[in-house]
PDB file of N, CA and C in Angstrom:
ATOM      1  N   MET A   1     -17.947  -2.315  14.757  1.00  0.00           N
ATOM      2  CA  MET A   1     -16.858  -2.414  15.511  1.00  0.00           C
ATOM      3  C   MET A   1     -16.609  -3.247  14.449  1.00  0.00           C
ATOM      4  N   ARG A   2     -17.184  -4.205  13.444  1.00  0.00           N
ATOM      5  CA  ARG A   2     -16.705  -4.869  12.201  1.00  0.00           C
ATOM      6  C   ARG A   2     -15.932  -4.016  11.196  1.00  0.00           C
ATOM      7  N   PHE A   3     -16.623  -2.694  11.132  1.00  0.00           N
ATOM      8  CA  PHE A   3     -16.262  -1.814   9.955  1.00  0.00           C
ATOM      9  C   PHE A   3     -14.689  -1.506  10.481  1.00  0.00           C
ATOM     10  N   TYR A   4     -14.617  -1.132  11.656  1.00  0.00           N
ATOM     11  CA  TYR A   4     -13.455  -0.572  12.138  1.00  0.00           C
ATOM     12  C   TYR A   4     -12.203  -1.846  12.478  1.00  0.00           C
ATOM     13  N   ASN A   5     -12.654  -2.783  12.548  1.00  0.00           N
ATOM     14  CA  ASN A   5     -11.960  -4.054  12.726  1.00  0.00           C
ATOM     15  C   ASN A   5     -11.571  -4.024  14.272  1.00  0.00           C
ATOM     16  N   LEU A   6     -12.581  -4.009  14.837  1.00  0.00           N
ATOM     17  CA  LEU A   6     -12.151  -3.780  16.381  1.00  0.00           C
ATOM     18  C   LEU A   6     -13.022  -4.979  17.285  1.00  0.00           C
ATOM     19  N   SER A   7     -12.118  -5.811  17.832  1.00  0.00           N
ATOM     20  CA  SER A   7     -12.450  -6.887  18.840  1.00  0.00           C
ATOM     21  C   SER A   7     -13.861  -6.465  19.994  1.00  0.00           C
ATOM     22  N   PRO A   8     -14.220  -7.241  20.463  1.00  0.00           N
ATOM     23  CA  PRO A   8     -15.005  -7.002  21.866  1.00  0.00           C
ATOM     24  C   PRO A   8     -14.005  -6.789  22.926  1.00  0.00           C
ATOM     25  N   ASN A   9     -12.861  -7.603  22.980  1.00  0.00           N
ATOM     26  CA  ASN A   9     -11.871  -7.360  23.902  1.00  0.00           C
ATOM     27  C   ASN A   9     -11.175  -6.070  24.137  1.00  0.00           C
ATOM     28  N   ARG A  10     -11.126  -5.376  22.670  1.00  0.00           N
ATOM     29  CA  ARG A  10     -10.275  -4.215  22.530  1.00  0.00           C
ATOM     30  C   ARG A  10     -11.076  -3.298  23.020  1.00  0.00           C
ATOM     31  N   VAL A  11     -12.694  -3.165  22.768  1.00  0.00           N
ATOM     32  CA  VAL A  11     -13.334  -2.482  23.046  1.00  0.00           C
ATOM     33  C   VAL A  11     -13.585  -2.417  24.977  1.00  0.00           C
ATOM     34  N   LYS A  12     -13.290  -3.512  25.120  1.00  0.00           N
ATOM     35  CA  LYS A  12     -13.225  -3.548  26.949  1.00  0.00           C
ATOM     36  C   LYS A  12     -12.152  -2.901  27.210  1.00  0.00           C
ATOM     37  N   ARG A  13     -11.252  -3.055  26.665  1.00  0.00           N
ATOM     38  CA  ARG A  13      -9.839  -2.702  27.278  1.00  0.00           C
ATOM     39  C   ARG A  13      -9.654  -1.227  27.202  1.00  0.00           C
ATOM     40  N   VAL A  14     -10.632  -0.406  26.308  1.00  0.00           N
ATOM     41  CA  VAL A  14     -10.468   0.966  25.947  1.00  0.00           C
ATOM     42  C   VAL A  14     -11.428   1.561  27.420  1.00  0.00           C
ATOM     43  N   ILE A  15     -12.599   0.705  27.533  1.00  0.00           N
ATOM     44  CA  ILE A  15     -13.201   1.291  28.629  1.00  0.00           C
ATOM     45  C   ILE A  15     -12.512   1.025  29.981  1.00  0.00           C
ATOM     46  N   ARG A  16     -11.940  -0.010  30.311  1.00  0.00           N
ATOM     47  CA  ARG A  16     -11.316  -0.024  31.576  1.00  0.00           C
ATOM     48  C   ARG A  16     -10.101   0.592  31.683  1.00  0.00           C
ATOM     49  N   ALA A  17      -9.231   0.873  30.752  1.00  0.00           N
ATOM     50  CA  ALA A  17      -8.101   1.746  30.956  1.00  0.00           C
ATOM     51  C   ALA A  17      -7.801   2.865  29.957  1.00  0.00           C
ATOM     52  N   PRO A  18      -8.849   3.902  30.005  1.00  0.00           N
ATOM     53  CA  PRO A  18      -8.605   4.914  28.972  1.00  0.00           C
ATOM     54  C   PRO A  18      -7.401   5.553  29.191  1.00  0.00           C
ATOM     55  N   GLN A  19      -7.165   6.443  28.123  1.00  0.00           N
ATOM     56  CA  GLN A  19      -5.949   7.608  28.330  1.00  0.00           C
ATOM     57  C   GLN A  19      -6.791   8.642  28.464  1.00  0.00           C
ATOM     58  N   ARG A  20      -7.785   8.852  27.876  1.00  0.00           N
ATOM     59  CA  ARG A  20      -8.513  10.084  27.873  1.00  0.00           C
ATOM     60  C   ARG A  20     -10.294  10.004  28.101  1.00  0.00           C
ATOM     61  N   VAL A  21     -10.897  10.684  28.801  1.00  0.00           N
ATOM     62  CA  VAL A  21     -12.152  10.537  28.853  1.00  0.00           C
ATOM     63  C   VAL A  21     -12.973  12.073  28.810  1.00  0.00           C
ATOM     64  N   GLU A  22     -13.943  11.866  28.100  1.00  0.00           N
ATOM     65  CA  GLU A  22     -14.769  13.032  28.086  1.00  0.00           C
ATOM     66  C   GLU A  22     -16.305  12.920  27.868  1.00  0.00           C
ATOM     67  N   GLU A  23     -17.056  13.936  28.120  1.00  0.00           N
ATOM     68  CA  GLU A  23     -18.525  13.949  27.843  1.00  0.00           C
ATOM     69  C   GLU A  23     -18.967  13.331  26.424  1.00  0.00           C
ATOM     70  N   GLY A  24     -19.664  12.666  26.177  1.00  0.00           N
ATOM     71  CA  GLY A  24     -20.237  11.912  24.882  1.00  0.00           C
ATOM     72  C   GLY A  24     -21.006  13.029  24.547  1.00  0.00           C
ATOM     73  N   ILE A  25     -21.074  12.855  22.884  1.00  0.00           N
ATOM     74  CA  ILE A  25     -22.120  13.736  22.241  1.00  0.00           C
ATOM     75  C   ILE A  25     -23.518  13.932  22.394  1.00  0.00           C
ATOM     76  N   VAL A  26     -23.896  12.469  22.994  1.00  0.00           N
ATOM     77  CA  VAL A  26     -25.181  12.230  23.428  1.00  0.00           C
ATOM     78  C   VAL A  26     -25.507  12.520  24.749  1.00  0.00           C
ATOM     79  N   GLU A  27     -26.641  12.894  25.249  1.00  0.00           N
ATOM     80  CA  GLU A  27     -26.907  13.130  26.632  1.00  0.00           C
ATOM     81  C   GLU A  27     -26.755  11.725  27.454  1.00  0.00           C
ATOM     82  N   ASP A  28     -25.963  11.885  28.622  1.00  0.00           N
ATOM     83  CA  ASP A  28     -25.813  10.870  29.382  1.00  0.00           C
ATOM     84  C   ASP A  28     -24.762   9.722  29.163  1.00  0.00           C
ATOM     85  N   THR A  29     -23.828  10.169  28.253  1.00  0.00           N
ATOM     86  CA  THR A  29     -23.039   9.404  27.879  1.00  0.00           C
ATOM     87  C   THR A  29     -21.426   9.302  27.984  1.00  0.00           C
ATOM     88  N   VAL A  30     -20.620   8.739  28.040  1.00  0.00           N
ATOM     89  CA  VAL A  30     -19.335   8.919  28.459  1.00  0.00           C
ATOM     90  C   VAL A  30     -18.423   8.434  27.017  1.00  0.00           C
ATOM     91  N   ALA A  31     -17.373   9.471  26.812  1.00  0.00           N
ATOM     92  CA  ALA A  31     -16.427   8.648  25.398  1.00  0.00           C
ATOM     93  C   ALA A  31     -15.249   8.738  26.179  1.00  0.00           C
ATOM     94  N   ALA A  32     -14.614   7.306  25.709  1.00  0.00           N
ATOM     95  CA  ALA A  32     -13.171   6.832  26.413  1.00  0.00           C
ATOM     96  C   ALA A  32     -12.172   6.734  25.252  1.00  0.00           C
ATOM     97  N   MET A  33     -10.956   7.067  25.304  1.00  0.00           N
ATOM     98  CA  MET A  33     -10.150   7.227  24.401  1.00  0.00           C
ATOM     99  C   MET A  33      -8.857   6.251  24.654  1.00  0.00           C
ATOM    100  N   GLN A  34      -8.335   5.586  23.651  1.00  0.00           N
ATOM    101  CA  GLN A  34      -6.696   5.108  23.937  1.00  0.00           C
ATOM    102  C   GLN A  34      -6.259   5.068  22.745  1.00  0.00           C
ATOM    103  N   VAL A  35      -4.759   5.486  22.323  1.00  0.00           N
ATOM    104  CA  VAL A  35      -3.956   5.540  21.273  1.00  0.00           C
ATOM    105  C   VAL A  35      -4.107   4.081  20.885  1.00  0.00           C
ATOM    106  N   GLY A  36      -4.323   3.790  19.551  1.00  0.00           N
ATOM    107  CA  GLY A  36      -4.675   2.623  18.925  1.00  0.00           C
ATOM    108  C   GLY A  36      -3.238   1.783  18.442  1.00  0.00           C
ATOM    109  N   SER A  37      -2.508   2.846  17.401  1.00  0.00           N
ATOM    110  CA  SER A  37      -1.471   2.075  16.945  1.00  0.00           C
ATOM    111  C   SER A  37      -0.247   3.621  16.909  1.00  0.00           C
ATOM    112  N   SER A  38       0.849   3.341  17.166  1.00  0.00           N
ATOM    113  CA  SER A  38       1.467   4.585  16.924  1.00  0.00           C
ATOM    114  C   SER A  38       2.329   4.765  15.773  1.00  0.00           C
ATOM    115  N   LYS A  39       2.332   3.519  15.206  1.00  0.00           N
ATOM    116  CA  LYS A  39       2.961   3.527  13.820  1.00  0.00           C
ATOM    117  C   LYS A  39       1.712   4.556  12.756  1.00  0.00           C
ATOM    118  N   ARG A  40       0.589   4.336  13.018  1.00  0.00           N
ATOM    119  CA  ARG A  40      -0.366   4.827  12.285  1.00  0.00           C
ATOM    120  C   ARG A  40      -1.014   6.158  12.677  1.00  0.00           C
ATOM    121  N   ARG A  41      -0.701   6.239  14.103  1.00  0.00           N
ATOM    122  CA  ARG A  41      -1.230   7.681  14.715  1.00  0.00           C
ATOM    123  C   ARG A  41      -2.693   7.616  14.805  1.00  0.00           C
ATOM    124  N   GLN A  42      -3.455   6.636  15.123  1.00  0.00           N
ATOM    125  CA  GLN A  42      -4.891   6.355  15.253  1.00  0.00           C
ATOM    126  C   GLN A  42      -5.257   6.290  16.793  1.00  0.00           C
ATOM    127  N   GLU A  43      -6.499   6.741  17.059  1.00  0.00           N
ATOM    128  CA  GLU A  43      -7.134   6.686  18.411  1.00  0.00           C
ATOM    129  C   GLU A  43      -8.075   5.927  18.439  1.00  0.00           C
ATOM    130  N   ILE A  44      -8.457   5.087  19.118  1.00  0.00           N
ATOM    131  CA  ILE A  44      -9.739   4.199  19.249  1.00  0.00           C
ATOM    132  C   ILE A  44     -10.540   4.771  20.360  1.00  0.00           C
ATOM    133  N   TRP A  45     -11.877   5.066  19.922  1.00  0.00           N
ATOM    134  CA  TRP A  45     -12.884   5.635  20.847  1.00  0.00           C
ATOM    135  C   TRP A  45     -13.900   5.067  21.065  1.00  0.00           C
ATOM    136  N   VAL A  46     -14.582   4.876  22.045  1.00  0.00           N
ATOM    137  CA  VAL A  46     -15.690   3.877  22.544  1.00  0.00           C
ATOM    138  C   VAL A  46     -16.724   5.009  23.275  1.00  0.00           C
ATOM    139  N   MET A  47     -18.061   4.963  22.963  1.00  0.00           N
ATOM    140  CA  MET A  47     -18.773   6.150  23.622  1.00  0.00           C
ATOM    141  C   MET A  47     -19.813   4.845  24.273  1.00  0.00           C
ATOM    142  N   TYR A  48     -20.052   4.974  25.485  1.00  0.00           N
ATOM    143  CA  TYR A  48     -21.039   4.318  26.429  1.00  0.00           C
ATOM    144  C   TYR A  48     -21.926   4.908  27.078  1.00  0.00           C
ATOM    145  N   ARG A  49     -22.826   4.129  27.852  1.00  0.00           N
ATOM    146  CA  ARG A  49     -23.773   4.852  28.840  1.00  0.00           C
ATOM    147  C   ARG A  49     -23.679   4.084  30.340  1.00  0.00           C
ATOM    148  N   PRO A  50     -23.462   4.434  31.259  1.00  0.00           N
ATOM    149  CA  PRO A  50     -23.448   3.704  32.676  1.00  0.00           C
ATOM    150  C   PRO A  50     -24.774   3.634  32.854  1.00  0.00           C
ATOM    151  N   ASN A  51     -25.458   2.545  33.246  1.00  0.00           N
ATOM    152  CA  ASN A  51     -26.772   2.287  33.236  1.00  0.00           C
ATOM    153  C   ASN A  51     -27.131   1.214  34.212  1.00  0.00           C
ATOM    154  N   ARG A  52     -27.430   1.748  35.527  1.00  0.00           N
ATOM    155  CA  ARG A  52     -28.067   0.918  36.443  1.00  0.00           C
ATOM    156  C   ARG A  52     -26.874  -0.237  36.945  1.00  0.00           C
ATOM    157  N   GLY A  53     -25.485  -0.099  37.077  1.00  0.00           N
ATOM    158  CA  GLY A  53     -24.511  -1.335  37.462  1.00  0.00           C
ATOM    159  C   GLY A  53     -24.089  -1.709  36.088  1.00  0.00           C
ATOM    160  N   LYS A  54     -24.511  -1.517  35.094  1.00  0.00           N
ATOM    161  CA  LYS A  54     -23.903  -1.860  33.689  1.00  0.00           C
ATOM    162  C   LYS A  54     -23.562  -0.963  32.880  1.00  0.00           C
ATOM    163  N   ILE A  55     -22.790  -1.384  31.789  1.00  0.00           N
ATOM    164  CA  ILE A  55     -22.462  -0.215  30.752  1.00  0.00           C
ATOM    165  C   ILE A  55     -22.680  -0.714  29.528  1.00  0.00           C
ATOM    166  N   ARG A  56     -23.472  -0.032  29.030  1.00  0.00           N
ATOM    167  CA  ARG A  56     -24.031   0.091  27.456  1.00  0.00           C
ATOM    168  C   ARG A  56     -23.191   0.710  26.633  1.00  0.00           C
ATOM    169  N   VAL A  57     -22.351  -0.043  25.534  1.00  0.00           N
ATOM    170  CA  VAL A  57     -21.774   0.416  24.456  1.00  0.00           C
ATOM    171  C   VAL A  57     -22.611   0.897  23.367  1.00  0.00           C
ATOM    172  N   ILE A  58     -22.605   2.233  23.237  1.00  0.00           N
ATOM    173  CA  ILE A  58     -23.447   2.799  22.169  1.00  0.00           C
ATOM    174  C   ILE A  58     -22.407   2.717  20.523  1.00  0.00           C
ATOM    175  N   THR A  59     -21.177   2.898  20.603  1.00  0.00           N
ATOM    176  CA  THR A  59     -20.638   2.758  19.311  1.00  0.00           C
ATOM    177  C   THR A  59     -19.061   2.681  19.829  1.00  0.00           C
ATOM    178  N   ALA A  60     -18.265   2.206  18.770  1.00  0.00           N
ATOM    179  CA  ALA A  60     -16.832   2.356  18.946  1.00  0.00           C
ATOM    180  C   ALA A  60     -16.260   2.750  17.704  1.00  0.00           C
ATOM    181  N   TRP A  61     -15.201   3.088  17.272  1.00  0.00           N
ATOM    182  CA  TRP A  61     -14.410   3.707  15.997  1.00  0.00           C
ATOM    183  C   TRP A  61     -13.014   4.226  16.269  1.00  0.00           C
ATOM    184  N   ARG A  62     -12.451   4.163  15.117  1.00  0.00           N
ATOM    185  CA  ARG A  62     -10.994   4.355  15.178  1.00  0.00           C
ATOM    186  C   ARG A  62     -11.011   6.015  14.429  1.00  0.00           C
ATOM    187  N   TYR A  63     -10.146   6.789  15.168  1.00  0.00           N
ATOM    188  CA  TYR A  63     -10.077   8.235  14.446  1.00  0.00           C
ATOM    189  C   TYR A  63      -8.401   8.264  14.071  1.00  0.00           C
ATOM    190  N   PRO A  64      -8.765   8.513  12.891  1.00  0.00           N
ATOM    191  CA  PRO A  64      -7.198   8.877  12.266  1.00  0.00           C
ATOM    192  C   PRO A  64      -6.501  10.072  12.542  1.00  0.00           C
ATOM    193  N   GLY A  65      -5.358  10.029  13.162  1.00  0.00           N
ATOM    194  CA  GLY A  65      -4.709  11.463  13.635  1.00  0.00           C
ATOM    195  C   GLY A  65      -5.130  11.410  15.299  1.00  0.00           C
ATOM    196  N   LYS A  66      -4.998  12.757  15.851  1.00  0.00           N
ATOM    197  CA  LYS A  66      -4.896  13.032  17.202  1.00  0.00           C
ATOM    198  C   LYS A  66      -6.085  14.128  17.247  1.00  0.00           C
ATOM    199  N   SER A  67      -6.993  13.857  17.769  1.00  0.00           N
ATOM    200  CA  SER A  67      -8.369  14.499  18.161  1.00  0.00           C
ATOM    201  C   SER A  67      -7.947  15.743  19.283  1.00  0.00           C
ATOM    202  N   PRO A  68      -8.828  16.798  18.879  1.00  0.00           N
ATOM    203  CA  PRO A  68      -8.734  17.792  20.081  1.00  0.00           C
ATOM    204  C   PRO A  68      -9.176  17.467  21.159  1.00  0.00           C
ATOM    205  N   GLU A  69      -8.523  18.034  22.378  1.00  0.00           N
ATOM    206  CA  GLU A  69      -9.588  17.968  23.602  1.00  0.00           C
ATOM    207  C   GLU A  69     -10.414  18.784  23.848  1.00  0.00           C
ATOM    208  N   ARG A  70     -11.685  18.225  24.370  1.00  0.00           N
ATOM    209  CA  ARG A  70     -12.888  19.150  24.569  1.00  0.00           C
ATOM    210  C   ARG A  70     -13.444  18.930  26.211  1.00  0.00           C
ATOM    211  N   ASN A  71     -14.674  18.611  26.431  1.00  0.00           N
ATOM    212  CA  ASN A  71     -15.101  18.615  27.803  1.00  0.00           C
ATOM    213  C   ASN A  71     -14.509  17.318  28.621  1.00  0.00           C
ATOM    214  N   PRO A  72     -13.846  17.674  29.610  1.00  0.00           N
ATOM    215  CA  PRO A  72     -13.203  16.268  30.415  1.00  0.00           C
ATOM    216  C   PRO A  72     -14.546  16.020  30.987  1.00  0.00           C
ATOM    217  N   VAL A  73     -14.607  14.923  31.850  1.00  0.00           N
ATOM    218  CA  VAL A  73     -15.763  14.273  32.483  1.00  0.00           C
ATOM    219  C   VAL A  73     -15.335  14.917  34.117  1.00  0.00           C
ATOM    220  N   PRO A  74     -16.214  15.191  34.788  1.00  0.00           N
ATOM    221  CA  PRO A  74     -15.981  15.701  36.310  1.00  0.00           C
ATOM    222  C   PRO A  74     -15.287  13.975  36.927  1.00  0.00           C
ATOM    223  N   GLU A  75     -14.405  14.391  37.957  1.00  0.00           N
ATOM    224  CA  GLU A  75     -13.731  13.236  38.546  1.00  0.00           C
ATOM    225  C   GLU A  75     -14.826  12.377  39.341  1.00  0.00           C
ATOM    226  N   GLU A  76     -15.808  13.055  39.874  1.00  0.00           N
ATOM    227  CA  GLU A  76     -16.796  12.324  40.603  1.00  0.00           C
ATOM    228  C   GLU A  76     -17.680  11.231  39.891  1.00  0.00           C
ATOM    229  N   ILE A  77     -17.879  11.779  38.869  1.00  0.00           N
ATOM    230  CA  ILE A  77     -18.518  10.977  37.765  1.00  0.00           C
ATOM    231  C   ILE A  77     -17.365   9.855  37.267  1.00  0.00           C
ATOM    232  N   LEU A  78     -16.384  10.047  37.165  1.00  0.00           N
ATOM    233  CA  LEU A  78     -15.572   8.969  36.738  1.00  0.00           C
ATOM    234  C   LEU A  78     -15.361   7.798  38.041  1.00  0.00           C
ATOM    235  N   GLU A  79     -15.475   8.355  39.181  1.00  0.00           N
ATOM    236  CA  GLU A  79     -15.413   7.399  40.258  1.00  0.00           C
ATOM    237  C   GLU A  79     -16.557   6.468  40.208  1.00  0.00           C
ATOM    238  N   GLU A  80     -17.572   6.968  39.958  1.00  0.00           N
ATOM    239  CA  GLU A  80     -18.806   5.982  39.813  1.00  0.00           C
ATOM    240  C   GLU A  80     -18.744   5.109  39.025  1.00  0.00           C
ATOM    241  N   VAL A  81     -18.280   5.757  37.531  1.00  0.00           N
ATOM    242  CA  VAL A  81     -18.356   4.748  36.556  1.00  0.00           C
ATOM    243  C   VAL A  81     -17.113   3.369  36.997  1.00  0.00           C
ATOM    244  N   ARG A  82     -16.146   4.048  37.441  1.00  0.00           N
ATOM    245  CA  ARG A  82     -14.741   2.893  37.892  1.00  0.00           C
ATOM    246  C   ARG A  82     -15.442   1.852  39.105  1.00  0.00           C
ATOM    247  N   GLY A  83     -16.436   2.187  39.610  1.00  0.00           N
ATOM    248  CA  GLY A  83     -17.131   1.546  40.648  1.00  0.00           C
ATOM    249  C   GLY A  83     -17.759   0.394  40.233  1.00  0.00           C
ATOM    250  N   LEU A  84     -18.213   0.663  38.914  1.00  0.00           N
ATOM    251  CA  LEU A  84     -18.985  -0.521  37.979  1.00  0.00           C
ATOM    252  C   LEU A  84     -18.296  -1.241  37.387  1.00  0.00           C
ATOM    253  N   LEU A  85     -17.056  -0.913  37.459  1.00  0.00           N
ATOM    254  CA  LEU A  85     -16.117  -2.041  36.337  1.00  0.00           C
ATOM    255  C   LEU A  85     -16.127  -3.072  37.705  1.00  0.00           C
TER     256      LEU A  85
END
């Protein structure tokens, strides 16, 4: 987070109100994205793992530009994660 100049509150905001949610590249993880700056055209990504009523953040990064859409997370899993927040 320090390398990409992301605060803990910004990471929480991405998790609570993502614009796009996909499956993470690591098993049993979720990746959430928000547009960071329209001027710079950046996306802020957070990869996390829901774990027994808690959410464990794995990593957070800025992506320059617009990333392609991949595997969306099924709606039933999204509802389960939203219940944890």
